[in-house]
Amino acid sequence: MSGAHDRLIVGVTGATGVILAVRLLEVLRDAGVERHLILSKWGARTLVHETSCSVEGLQRLATCSYPPGDQGAAVSSGSFLSAGMVIVPCSMKSLASIAHGHGDSLIHRTADVTLKERRRLVLVVREAPFNDIHLENMLKLSRMGVVIFPPVPAFYHRPANLDEVIDHTVLRILDQFGLHLDVARRWDGAMRATED
């Protein structure tokens, strides 16, 4: 049985940015990390709208995939050991449900369990601009130790294309779990030559 350090729960909700989940699962697969996937109904819809990846294709990237309404799934128990959970992308509905303890779906229930077990929970929140409700929910969860991680692109590594932006964001998300996988260039302090 795999230990907690090489097992990650990945929730995918209906916010835009589902390509980040696809790439994150690919990187974890290539690194030999166990991937436990929960794909919401709206996450599935966003997946087929925003990417060329099918629901079945995404599920094949996971070690194990769970139906979003299966409250009895292994990941819904505190006895299921993992390095934690990432929800990527995380909708404002999911953010609110987690902040207020509404475990009405497997994603929300598993996030609640992750919190109660004091494991790492990273929410890749997707919305802009944030309203006061969004910010208050984020602050509430941040005070509980949740990592609020809006996927704001960095440009200091001078990405040449969108794939490099995605890879850098995935690298930074995985850093939050102590999974330091060099799938993108890290800042080394050296300025790159510029063209006028």
N, C-alpha and C. Protein backbone atom coordinates (compact mmCIF):
# COMPACT_ATOMS: atom_id res chain seq x y z
N MET A 1 0.85 -1.19 0.00
CA MET A 1 0.00 0.00 0.00
C MET A 1 0.88 1.24 0.00
N SER A 2 0.49 2.17 -0.79
CA SER A 2 1.24 3.42 -0.91
C SER A 2 1.12 4.25 0.36
N GLY A 3 2.17 4.99 0.69
CA GLY A 3 2.15 5.85 1.85
C GLY A 3 1.56 7.20 1.53
N ALA A 4 1.39 8.00 2.60
CA ALA A 4 0.74 9.30 2.44
C ALA A 4 1.54 10.24 1.55
N HIS A 5 2.87 10.15 1.59
CA HIS A 5 3.70 11.12 0.88
C HIS A 5 3.63 10.99 -0.63
N ASP A 6 3.22 9.84 -1.14
CA ASP A 6 3.18 9.68 -2.60
C ASP A 6 1.77 9.37 -3.09
N ARG A 7 0.80 9.97 -2.44
CA ARG A 7 -0.61 9.81 -2.82
C ARG A 7 -1.30 11.16 -2.68
N LEU A 8 -1.95 11.62 -3.75
CA LEU A 8 -2.59 12.93 -3.74
C LEU A 8 -4.02 12.80 -4.26
N ILE A 9 -4.93 13.49 -3.59
CA ILE A 9 -6.33 13.54 -4.02
C ILE A 9 -6.50 14.80 -4.88
N VAL A 10 -7.12 14.63 -6.05
CA VAL A 10 -7.31 15.74 -6.98
C VAL A 10 -8.80 15.90 -7.25
N GLY A 11 -9.35 17.04 -6.85
CA GLY A 11 -10.73 17.38 -7.16
C GLY A 11 -10.76 18.35 -8.33
N VAL A 12 -11.73 18.17 -9.22
CA VAL A 12 -11.86 19.05 -10.38
C VAL A 12 -13.30 19.55 -10.42
N THR A 13 -13.49 20.86 -10.28
CA THR A 13 -14.83 21.44 -10.31
C THR A 13 -15.04 22.21 -11.61
N GLY A 14 -16.17 22.87 -11.71
CA GLY A 14 -16.60 23.44 -12.99
C GLY A 14 -16.06 24.81 -13.35
N ALA A 15 -15.11 25.33 -12.61
CA ALA A 15 -14.53 26.62 -12.97
C ALA A 15 -13.65 26.47 -14.20
N THR A 16 -13.36 27.58 -14.86
CA THR A 16 -12.46 27.54 -16.00
C THR A 16 -11.04 27.25 -15.54
N GLY A 17 -10.26 26.67 -16.42
CA GLY A 17 -8.87 26.35 -16.08
C GLY A 17 -8.63 24.87 -15.87
N VAL A 18 -9.52 24.03 -16.37
CA VAL A 18 -9.40 22.58 -16.15
C VAL A 18 -8.15 21.99 -16.81
N ILE A 19 -7.56 22.71 -17.76
CA ILE A 19 -6.31 22.24 -18.36
C ILE A 19 -5.22 22.08 -17.30
N LEU A 20 -5.29 22.86 -16.24
CA LEU A 20 -4.32 22.74 -15.15
C LEU A 20 -4.44 21.37 -14.48
N ALA A 21 -5.67 20.87 -14.34
CA ALA A 21 -5.88 19.55 -13.75
C ALA A 21 -5.35 18.46 -14.66
N VAL A 22 -5.58 18.60 -15.94
CA VAL A 22 -5.08 17.61 -16.90
C VAL A 22 -3.57 17.52 -16.80
N ARG A 23 -2.91 18.67 -16.85
CA ARG A 23 -1.44 18.67 -16.82
C ARG A 23 -0.91 18.20 -15.47
N LEU A 24 -1.56 18.59 -14.38
CA LEU A 24 -1.14 18.16 -13.05
C LEU A 24 -1.19 16.63 -12.95
N LEU A 25 -2.26 16.03 -13.44
CA LEU A 25 -2.38 14.57 -13.41
C LEU A 25 -1.32 13.90 -14.28
N GLU A 26 -1.00 14.50 -15.41
CA GLU A 26 0.07 13.95 -16.25
C GLU A 26 1.41 13.97 -15.54
N VAL A 27 1.71 15.09 -14.91
CA VAL A 27 2.99 15.25 -14.20
C VAL A 27 3.07 14.27 -13.03
N LEU A 28 1.98 14.15 -12.27
CA LEU A 28 1.97 13.21 -11.15
C LEU A 28 2.14 11.77 -11.63
N ARG A 29 1.47 11.44 -12.73
CA ARG A 29 1.60 10.09 -13.30
C ARG A 29 3.05 9.81 -13.67
N ASP A 30 3.67 10.76 -14.36
CA ASP A 30 5.05 10.58 -14.79
C ASP A 30 6.02 10.47 -13.62
N ALA A 31 5.65 11.06 -12.47
CA ALA A 31 6.50 11.01 -11.27
C ALA A 31 6.19 9.79 -10.40
N GLY A 32 5.19 9.00 -10.79
CA GLY A 32 4.86 7.81 -10.02
C GLY A 32 4.07 8.08 -8.75
N VAL A 33 3.39 9.22 -8.71
CA VAL A 33 2.57 9.56 -7.54
C VAL A 33 1.16 9.02 -7.76
N GLU A 34 0.60 8.38 -6.73
CA GLU A 34 -0.79 7.89 -6.81
C GLU A 34 -1.73 9.07 -6.94
N ARG A 35 -2.71 8.97 -7.88
CA ARG A 35 -3.64 10.06 -8.16
C ARG A 35 -5.06 9.58 -7.95
N HIS A 36 -5.76 10.21 -7.00
CA HIS A 36 -7.14 9.84 -6.69
C HIS A 36 -8.03 11.00 -7.13
N LEU A 37 -8.80 10.77 -8.20
CA LEU A 37 -9.53 11.83 -8.89
C LEU A 37 -11.00 11.84 -8.54
N ILE A 38 -11.51 13.04 -8.27
CA ILE A 38 -12.95 13.28 -8.15
C ILE A 38 -13.29 14.39 -9.14
N LEU A 39 -14.07 14.05 -10.13
CA LEU A 39 -14.47 15.01 -11.17
C LEU A 39 -15.95 15.33 -11.00
N SER A 40 -16.26 16.60 -10.74
CA SER A 40 -17.67 16.99 -10.57
C SER A 40 -18.39 16.97 -11.92
N LYS A 41 -19.70 17.01 -11.84
CA LYS A 41 -20.52 17.06 -13.07
C LYS A 41 -20.15 18.27 -13.92
N TRP A 42 -20.02 19.42 -13.29
CA TRP A 42 -19.69 20.63 -14.05
C TRP A 42 -18.22 20.66 -14.44
N GLY A 43 -17.38 20.00 -13.66
CA GLY A 43 -15.98 19.85 -14.06
C GLY A 43 -15.87 19.06 -15.35
N ALA A 44 -16.70 18.01 -15.46
CA ALA A 44 -16.71 17.19 -16.68
C ALA A 44 -17.16 18.02 -17.87
N ARG A 45 -18.16 18.85 -17.66
CA ARG A 45 -18.65 19.69 -18.76
C ARG A 45 -17.59 20.70 -19.20
N THR A 46 -16.93 21.30 -18.22
CA THR A 46 -15.88 22.28 -18.55
C THR A 46 -14.72 21.60 -19.26
N LEU A 47 -14.39 20.39 -18.83
CA LEU A 47 -13.30 19.63 -19.44
C LEU A 47 -13.50 19.47 -20.95
N VAL A 48 -14.68 19.02 -21.35
CA VAL A 48 -14.91 18.78 -22.78
C VAL A 48 -15.09 20.08 -23.55
N HIS A 49 -15.47 21.15 -22.85
CA HIS A 49 -15.61 22.45 -23.51
C HIS A 49 -14.25 23.11 -23.74
N GLU A 50 -13.35 23.00 -22.75
CA GLU A 50 -12.10 23.75 -22.79
C GLU A 50 -10.91 22.96 -23.34
N THR A 51 -11.00 21.64 -23.38
CA THR A 51 -9.84 20.85 -23.81
C THR A 51 -10.26 19.79 -24.82
N SER A 52 -9.28 19.12 -25.37
CA SER A 52 -9.55 17.98 -26.25
C SER A 52 -9.55 16.67 -25.47
N CYS A 53 -9.40 16.75 -24.17
CA CYS A 53 -9.39 15.57 -23.30
C CYS A 53 -10.83 15.17 -22.97
N SER A 54 -11.13 13.89 -23.07
CA SER A 54 -12.45 13.38 -22.71
C SER A 54 -12.49 13.05 -21.21
N VAL A 55 -13.68 12.85 -20.69
CA VAL A 55 -13.83 12.43 -19.30
C VAL A 55 -13.07 11.13 -19.08
N GLU A 56 -13.23 10.19 -20.00
CA GLU A 56 -12.55 8.90 -19.88
C GLU A 56 -11.03 9.08 -19.94
N GLY A 57 -10.58 9.99 -20.77
CA GLY A 57 -9.15 10.28 -20.88
C GLY A 57 -8.60 10.83 -19.58
N LEU A 58 -9.34 11.73 -18.94
CA LEU A 58 -8.91 12.29 -17.66
C LEU A 58 -8.89 11.19 -16.61
N GLN A 59 -9.91 10.36 -16.59
CA GLN A 59 -9.96 9.27 -15.61
C GLN A 59 -8.80 8.30 -15.80
N ARG A 60 -8.37 8.09 -17.03
CA ARG A 60 -7.24 7.20 -17.29
C ARG A 60 -5.92 7.78 -16.74
N LEU A 61 -5.87 9.10 -16.57
CA LEU A 61 -4.67 9.71 -15.98
C LEU A 61 -4.60 9.48 -14.47
N ALA A 62 -5.70 9.05 -13.88
CA ALA A 62 -5.76 8.83 -12.43
C ALA A 62 -5.49 7.36 -12.10
N THR A 63 -4.96 7.15 -10.91
CA THR A 63 -4.82 5.80 -10.39
C THR A 63 -6.19 5.22 -10.07
N CYS A 64 -7.04 6.08 -9.52
CA CYS A 64 -8.40 5.69 -9.15
C CYS A 64 -9.30 6.91 -9.31
N SER A 65 -10.51 6.69 -9.81
CA SER A 65 -11.47 7.77 -10.02
C SER A 65 -12.76 7.43 -9.30
N TYR A 66 -13.38 8.43 -8.68
CA TYR A 66 -14.58 8.23 -7.87
C TYR A 66 -15.74 9.05 -8.40
N PRO A 67 -16.96 8.50 -8.39
CA PRO A 67 -18.13 9.29 -8.78
C PRO A 67 -18.33 10.45 -7.81
N PRO A 68 -18.74 11.62 -8.30
CA PRO A 68 -18.83 12.80 -7.44
C PRO A 68 -19.88 12.71 -6.33
N GLY A 69 -20.83 11.79 -6.46
CA GLY A 69 -21.85 11.65 -5.43
C GLY A 69 -21.62 10.49 -4.47
N ASP A 70 -20.50 9.80 -4.61
CA ASP A 70 -20.23 8.61 -3.78
C ASP A 70 -19.63 9.01 -2.44
N GLN A 71 -20.49 9.31 -1.48
CA GLN A 71 -20.02 9.74 -0.17
C GLN A 71 -19.33 8.63 0.62
N GLY A 72 -19.47 7.38 0.15
CA GLY A 72 -18.82 6.26 0.82
C GLY A 72 -17.49 5.89 0.21
N ALA A 73 -16.97 6.71 -0.72
CA ALA A 73 -15.69 6.41 -1.36
C ALA A 73 -14.55 6.43 -0.34
N ALA A 74 -13.49 5.72 -0.65
CA ALA A 74 -12.35 5.62 0.27
C ALA A 74 -11.81 6.98 0.69
N VAL A 75 -11.77 7.93 -0.25
CA VAL A 75 -11.18 9.24 0.04
C VAL A 75 -12.02 10.07 1.02
N SER A 76 -13.26 9.64 1.29
CA SER A 76 -14.11 10.41 2.20
C SER A 76 -13.85 10.07 3.66
N SER A 77 -12.89 9.21 3.92
CA SER A 77 -12.58 8.79 5.29
C SER A 77 -11.23 9.34 5.74
N GLY A 78 -11.15 9.73 6.99
CA GLY A 78 -9.88 10.20 7.55
C GLY A 78 -8.83 9.11 7.62
N SER A 79 -9.24 7.86 7.54
CA SER A 79 -8.27 6.76 7.58
C SER A 79 -7.58 6.55 6.24
N PHE A 80 -8.06 7.24 5.19
CA PHE A 80 -7.40 7.18 3.88
C PHE A 80 -6.20 8.13 3.93
N LEU A 81 -5.01 7.58 3.93
CA LEU A 81 -3.81 8.40 4.06
C LEU A 81 -3.43 9.04 2.74
N SER A 82 -3.07 10.30 2.80
CA SER A 82 -2.62 11.02 1.60
C SER A 82 -1.77 12.20 2.01
N ALA A 83 -1.06 12.75 1.03
CA ALA A 83 -0.31 13.98 1.25
C ALA A 83 -1.24 15.17 1.36
N GLY A 84 -2.49 14.98 0.95
CA GLY A 84 -3.48 16.05 1.00
C GLY A 84 -4.34 16.05 -0.25
N MET A 85 -4.95 17.20 -0.48
CA MET A 85 -5.90 17.34 -1.58
C MET A 85 -5.71 18.68 -2.26
N VAL A 86 -5.80 18.65 -3.58
CA VAL A 86 -5.82 19.87 -4.36
C VAL A 86 -7.13 19.89 -5.15
N ILE A 87 -7.78 21.03 -5.17
CA ILE A 87 -8.96 21.22 -6.02
C ILE A 87 -8.56 22.21 -7.09
N VAL A 88 -8.51 21.71 -8.34
CA VAL A 88 -7.98 22.48 -9.45
C VAL A 88 -8.79 22.21 -10.72
N PRO A 89 -9.51 23.17 -11.21
CA PRO A 89 -9.78 24.47 -10.60
C PRO A 89 -10.83 24.35 -9.52
N CYS A 90 -10.88 25.34 -8.65
CA CYS A 90 -11.85 25.37 -7.56
C CYS A 90 -12.85 26.49 -7.82
N SER A 91 -14.10 26.11 -7.99
CA SER A 91 -15.15 27.10 -8.23
C SER A 91 -15.47 27.86 -6.94
N MET A 92 -16.12 28.99 -7.08
CA MET A 92 -16.54 29.75 -5.90
C MET A 92 -17.61 29.00 -5.11
N LYS A 93 -18.43 28.20 -5.79
CA LYS A 93 -19.41 27.36 -5.09
C LYS A 93 -18.70 26.35 -4.19
N SER A 94 -17.67 25.71 -4.71
CA SER A 94 -16.92 24.75 -3.90
C SER A 94 -16.20 25.45 -2.76
N LEU A 95 -15.61 26.60 -3.05
CA LEU A 95 -14.96 27.38 -1.99
C LEU A 95 -15.94 27.66 -0.86
N ALA A 96 -17.14 28.12 -1.20
CA ALA A 96 -18.15 28.44 -0.18
C ALA A 96 -18.60 27.20 0.57
N SER A 97 -18.81 26.10 -0.15
CA SER A 97 -19.24 24.86 0.50
C SER A 97 -18.21 24.39 1.51
N ILE A 98 -16.94 24.45 1.14
CA ILE A 98 -15.87 24.02 2.04
C ILE A 98 -15.77 24.97 3.23
N ALA A 99 -15.84 26.26 2.97
CA ALA A 99 -15.72 27.25 4.05
C ALA A 99 -16.82 27.11 5.09
N HIS A 100 -17.99 26.61 4.66
CA HIS A 100 -19.14 26.53 5.57
C HIS A 100 -19.52 25.11 5.93
N GLY A 101 -18.65 24.15 5.60
CA GLY A 101 -18.85 22.78 6.03
C GLY A 101 -20.00 22.04 5.37
N HIS A 102 -20.35 22.44 4.15
CA HIS A 102 -21.42 21.75 3.43
C HIS A 102 -20.83 20.62 2.59
N GLY A 103 -20.80 19.44 3.16
CA GLY A 103 -20.22 18.29 2.47
C GLY A 103 -21.23 17.59 1.60
N ASP A 104 -21.86 18.32 0.68
CA ASP A 104 -22.96 17.78 -0.12
C ASP A 104 -22.49 17.05 -1.37
N SER A 105 -21.19 17.00 -1.63
CA SER A 105 -20.64 16.23 -2.74
C SER A 105 -19.37 15.57 -2.24
N LEU A 106 -18.86 14.61 -2.99
CA LEU A 106 -17.64 13.93 -2.55
C LEU A 106 -16.45 14.89 -2.51
N ILE A 107 -16.39 15.83 -3.43
CA ILE A 107 -15.29 16.81 -3.39
C ILE A 107 -15.34 17.60 -2.09
N HIS A 108 -16.51 18.12 -1.75
CA HIS A 108 -16.64 18.93 -0.54
C HIS A 108 -16.41 18.10 0.72
N ARG A 109 -16.95 16.88 0.74
CA ARG A 109 -16.76 15.99 1.89
C ARG A 109 -15.28 15.66 2.07
N THR A 110 -14.59 15.36 0.98
CA THR A 110 -13.18 15.00 1.07
C THR A 110 -12.34 16.20 1.51
N ALA A 111 -12.68 17.39 1.06
CA ALA A 111 -11.99 18.59 1.53
C ALA A 111 -12.22 18.79 3.02
N ASP A 112 -13.44 18.53 3.48
CA ASP A 112 -13.75 18.64 4.91
C ASP A 112 -12.92 17.65 5.72
N VAL A 113 -12.81 16.43 5.23
CA VAL A 113 -12.00 15.40 5.89
C VAL A 113 -10.53 15.82 5.90
N THR A 114 -10.05 16.36 4.79
CA THR A 114 -8.67 16.83 4.72
C THR A 114 -8.41 17.89 5.78
N LEU A 115 -9.36 18.79 5.97
CA LEU A 115 -9.24 19.82 7.01
C LEU A 115 -9.23 19.21 8.41
N LYS A 116 -10.17 18.31 8.67
CA LYS A 116 -10.26 17.76 10.03
C LYS A 116 -9.05 16.92 10.40
N GLU A 117 -8.41 16.32 9.39
CA GLU A 117 -7.22 15.52 9.62
C GLU A 117 -5.94 16.36 9.61
N ARG A 118 -6.10 17.68 9.41
CA ARG A 118 -4.97 18.63 9.39
C ARG A 118 -3.96 18.29 8.30
N ARG A 119 -4.50 17.88 7.16
CA ARG A 119 -3.65 17.61 6.01
C ARG A 119 -3.68 18.82 5.07
N ARG A 120 -2.75 18.87 4.14
CA ARG A 120 -2.63 20.01 3.23
C ARG A 120 -3.81 20.04 2.27
N LEU A 121 -4.46 21.20 2.20
CA LEU A 121 -5.55 21.44 1.25
C LEU A 121 -5.19 22.67 0.44
N VAL A 122 -5.13 22.51 -0.88
CA VAL A 122 -4.80 23.61 -1.79
C VAL A 122 -5.98 23.84 -2.71
N LEU A 123 -6.48 25.06 -2.72
CA LEU A 123 -7.61 25.43 -3.57
C LEU A 123 -7.13 26.38 -4.67
N VAL A 124 -7.17 25.89 -5.90
CA VAL A 124 -6.76 26.69 -7.05
C VAL A 124 -8.00 27.45 -7.52
N VAL A 125 -8.28 28.54 -6.83
CA VAL A 125 -9.53 29.27 -7.02
C VAL A 125 -9.51 30.06 -8.33
N ARG A 126 -10.64 30.00 -9.03
CA ARG A 126 -10.76 30.63 -10.35
C ARG A 126 -11.98 31.53 -10.39
N GLU A 127 -11.72 32.80 -10.35
CA GLU A 127 -12.74 33.82 -10.54
C GLU A 127 -12.02 35.16 -10.58
N ALA A 128 -12.56 36.10 -11.29
CA ALA A 128 -11.97 37.44 -11.30
C ALA A 128 -13.01 38.41 -11.82
N PRO A 129 -13.16 39.53 -11.18
CA PRO A 129 -12.54 39.87 -9.90
C PRO A 129 -13.26 39.18 -8.74
N PHE A 130 -12.62 39.15 -7.57
CA PHE A 130 -13.24 38.58 -6.38
C PHE A 130 -14.19 39.58 -5.75
N ASN A 131 -15.34 39.08 -5.29
CA ASN A 131 -16.23 39.96 -4.51
C ASN A 131 -15.97 39.72 -3.02
N ASP A 132 -16.67 40.46 -2.15
CA ASP A 132 -16.42 40.36 -0.72
C ASP A 132 -16.70 38.96 -0.18
N ILE A 133 -17.71 38.30 -0.71
CA ILE A 133 -18.04 36.94 -0.25
C ILE A 133 -16.88 35.99 -0.58
N HIS A 134 -16.36 36.06 -1.81
CA HIS A 134 -15.23 35.23 -2.20
C HIS A 134 -14.05 35.46 -1.25
N LEU A 135 -13.72 36.73 -1.03
CA LEU A 135 -12.57 37.08 -0.21
C LEU A 135 -12.75 36.64 1.24
N GLU A 136 -13.95 36.82 1.78
CA GLU A 136 -14.21 36.39 3.16
C GLU A 136 -14.10 34.87 3.29
N ASN A 137 -14.60 34.14 2.31
CA ASN A 137 -14.48 32.68 2.35
C ASN A 137 -13.02 32.24 2.24
N MET A 138 -12.25 32.92 1.40
CA MET A 138 -10.83 32.61 1.27
C MET A 138 -10.09 32.90 2.57
N LEU A 139 -10.39 34.04 3.19
CA LEU A 139 -9.72 34.40 4.44
C LEU A 139 -10.07 33.40 5.53
N LYS A 140 -11.32 33.01 5.60
CA LYS A 140 -11.75 32.03 6.61
C LYS A 140 -10.96 30.73 6.46
N LEU A 141 -10.84 30.25 5.23
CA LEU A 141 -10.12 29.00 5.00
C LEU A 141 -8.62 29.17 5.18
N SER A 142 -8.07 30.30 4.77
CA SER A 142 -6.65 30.55 4.96
C SER A 142 -6.28 30.51 6.43
N ARG A 143 -7.14 31.05 7.27
CA ARG A 143 -6.89 31.03 8.71
C ARG A 143 -6.92 29.62 9.28
N MET A 144 -7.53 28.68 8.55
CA MET A 144 -7.55 27.27 8.96
C MET A 144 -6.35 26.52 8.39
N GLY A 145 -5.52 27.19 7.63
CA GLY A 145 -4.33 26.56 7.07
C GLY A 145 -4.46 26.14 5.62
N VAL A 146 -5.60 26.43 5.01
CA VAL A 146 -5.79 26.10 3.59
C VAL A 146 -4.94 27.04 2.74
N VAL A 147 -4.31 26.49 1.71
CA VAL A 147 -3.55 27.30 0.77
C VAL A 147 -4.49 27.77 -0.33
N ILE A 148 -4.65 29.08 -0.44
CA ILE A 148 -5.47 29.68 -1.49
C ILE A 148 -4.52 30.03 -2.62
N PHE A 149 -4.72 29.39 -3.76
CA PHE A 149 -3.75 29.47 -4.85
C PHE A 149 -4.42 29.88 -6.16
N PRO A 150 -4.70 31.17 -6.35
CA PRO A 150 -5.21 31.59 -7.66
C PRO A 150 -4.14 31.32 -8.71
N PRO A 151 -4.49 30.74 -9.85
CA PRO A 151 -3.47 30.40 -10.84
C PRO A 151 -3.04 31.61 -11.66
N VAL A 152 -2.43 32.55 -10.96
CA VAL A 152 -1.95 33.78 -11.61
C VAL A 152 -0.64 33.46 -12.32
N PRO A 153 -0.55 33.68 -13.61
CA PRO A 153 0.68 33.30 -14.32
C PRO A 153 1.85 34.19 -13.93
N ALA A 154 3.02 33.58 -13.91
CA ALA A 154 4.27 34.32 -13.69
C ALA A 154 4.94 34.53 -15.05
N PHE A 155 5.68 35.61 -15.15
CA PHE A 155 6.35 35.91 -16.43
C PHE A 155 7.85 36.10 -16.29
N TYR A 156 8.37 35.96 -15.06
CA TYR A 156 9.81 36.17 -14.86
C TYR A 156 10.65 35.08 -15.54
N HIS A 157 10.05 33.94 -15.83
CA HIS A 157 10.79 32.89 -16.54
C HIS A 157 10.63 33.01 -18.06
N ARG A 158 9.96 34.07 -18.48
CA ARG A 158 9.77 34.41 -19.89
C ARG A 158 9.20 33.25 -20.70
N PRO A 159 7.97 32.83 -20.38
CA PRO A 159 7.38 31.70 -21.09
C PRO A 159 7.23 31.99 -22.58
N ALA A 160 7.52 30.97 -23.39
CA ALA A 160 7.44 31.11 -24.84
C ALA A 160 6.05 30.79 -25.37
N ASN A 161 5.26 30.08 -24.57
CA ASN A 161 3.93 29.67 -25.02
C ASN A 161 3.05 29.34 -23.82
N LEU A 162 1.79 29.03 -24.09
CA LEU A 162 0.84 28.74 -23.03
C LEU A 162 1.21 27.47 -22.25
N ASP A 163 1.78 26.48 -22.94
CA ASP A 163 2.19 25.26 -22.25
C ASP A 163 3.20 25.55 -21.14
N GLU A 164 4.12 26.48 -21.38
CA GLU A 164 5.11 26.83 -20.37
C GLU A 164 4.46 27.56 -19.18
N VAL A 165 3.43 28.36 -19.45
CA VAL A 165 2.69 29.02 -18.37
C VAL A 165 1.98 27.96 -17.52
N ILE A 166 1.33 27.00 -18.17
CA ILE A 166 0.62 25.93 -17.48
C ILE A 166 1.60 25.11 -16.65
N ASP A 167 2.72 24.70 -17.24
CA ASP A 167 3.70 23.89 -16.53
C ASP A 167 4.25 24.61 -15.30
N HIS A 168 4.50 25.90 -15.44
CA HIS A 168 5.03 26.66 -14.30
C HIS A 168 3.99 26.73 -13.17
N THR A 169 2.73 26.91 -13.52
CA THR A 169 1.67 26.94 -12.51
C THR A 169 1.55 25.58 -11.82
N VAL A 170 1.59 24.51 -12.58
CA VAL A 170 1.52 23.16 -12.01
C VAL A 170 2.71 22.91 -11.09
N LEU A 171 3.90 23.30 -11.51
CA LEU A 171 5.10 23.18 -10.67
C LEU A 171 4.88 23.84 -9.32
N ARG A 172 4.35 25.06 -9.33
CA ARG A 172 4.15 25.81 -8.09
C ARG A 172 3.05 25.18 -7.21
N ILE A 173 2.01 24.62 -7.84
CA ILE A 173 0.97 23.93 -7.07
C ILE A 173 1.57 22.73 -6.35
N LEU A 174 2.33 21.93 -7.08
CA LEU A 174 2.91 20.72 -6.49
C LEU A 174 3.95 21.04 -5.43
N ASP A 175 4.63 22.18 -5.54
CA ASP A 175 5.55 22.61 -4.49
C ASP A 175 4.85 22.69 -3.14
N GLN A 176 3.56 23.02 -3.15
CA GLN A 176 2.80 23.16 -1.91
C GLN A 176 2.69 21.85 -1.14
N PHE A 177 2.90 20.73 -1.84
CA PHE A 177 2.84 19.41 -1.21
C PHE A 177 4.23 18.81 -0.99
N GLY A 178 5.26 19.61 -1.20
CA GLY A 178 6.61 19.10 -1.08
C GLY A 178 7.00 18.20 -2.24
N LEU A 179 6.24 18.27 -3.33
CA LEU A 179 6.55 17.52 -4.54
C LEU A 179 7.27 18.47 -5.49
N HIS A 180 8.57 18.49 -5.41
CA HIS A 180 9.38 19.45 -6.17
C HIS A 180 9.82 18.81 -7.47
N LEU A 181 8.95 18.87 -8.45
CA LEU A 181 9.18 18.25 -9.75
C LEU A 181 9.52 19.35 -10.75
N ASP A 182 10.67 19.25 -11.35
CA ASP A 182 11.14 20.31 -12.24
C ASP A 182 10.58 20.16 -13.64
N VAL A 183 9.29 20.46 -13.77
CA VAL A 183 8.63 20.39 -15.08
C VAL A 183 8.68 21.74 -15.80
N ALA A 184 9.22 22.74 -15.12
CA ALA A 184 9.36 24.07 -15.70
C ALA A 184 10.61 24.71 -15.09
N ARG A 185 11.08 25.77 -15.76
CA ARG A 185 12.27 26.45 -15.26
C ARG A 185 11.94 27.24 -14.00
N ARG A 186 12.79 27.10 -13.02
CA ARG A 186 12.63 27.85 -11.77
C ARG A 186 13.49 29.12 -11.82
N TRP A 187 13.12 30.09 -11.01
CA TRP A 187 13.88 31.33 -10.95
C TRP A 187 15.25 31.02 -10.36
N ASP A 188 16.29 31.44 -11.04
CA ASP A 188 17.66 31.20 -10.57
C ASP A 188 18.40 32.50 -10.29
N GLY A 189 17.68 33.61 -10.37
CA GLY A 189 18.29 34.91 -10.08
C GLY A 189 18.95 35.56 -11.27
N ALA A 190 19.06 34.84 -12.36
CA ALA A 190 19.74 35.38 -13.55
C ALA A 190 18.73 36.05 -14.47
N MET A 191 19.03 37.29 -14.82
CA MET A 191 18.20 38.01 -15.77
C MET A 191 18.48 37.50 -17.17
N ARG A 192 17.45 37.34 -17.97
CA ARG A 192 17.60 36.88 -19.34
C ARG A 192 17.80 38.11 -20.25
N ALA A 193 18.52 37.92 -21.32
CA ALA A 193 18.74 39.02 -22.28
C ALA A 193 17.41 39.45 -22.87
N THR A 194 17.25 40.73 -23.06
CA THR A 194 16.02 41.26 -23.65
C THR A 194 16.32 41.87 -25.00
N GLU A 195 15.29 41.92 -25.80
CA GLU A 195 15.41 42.55 -27.11
C GLU A 195 14.72 43.91 -27.05
N ASP A 196 15.29 44.91 -27.70
CA ASP A 196 14.69 46.25 -27.70
C ASP A 196 13.63 46.34 -28.79
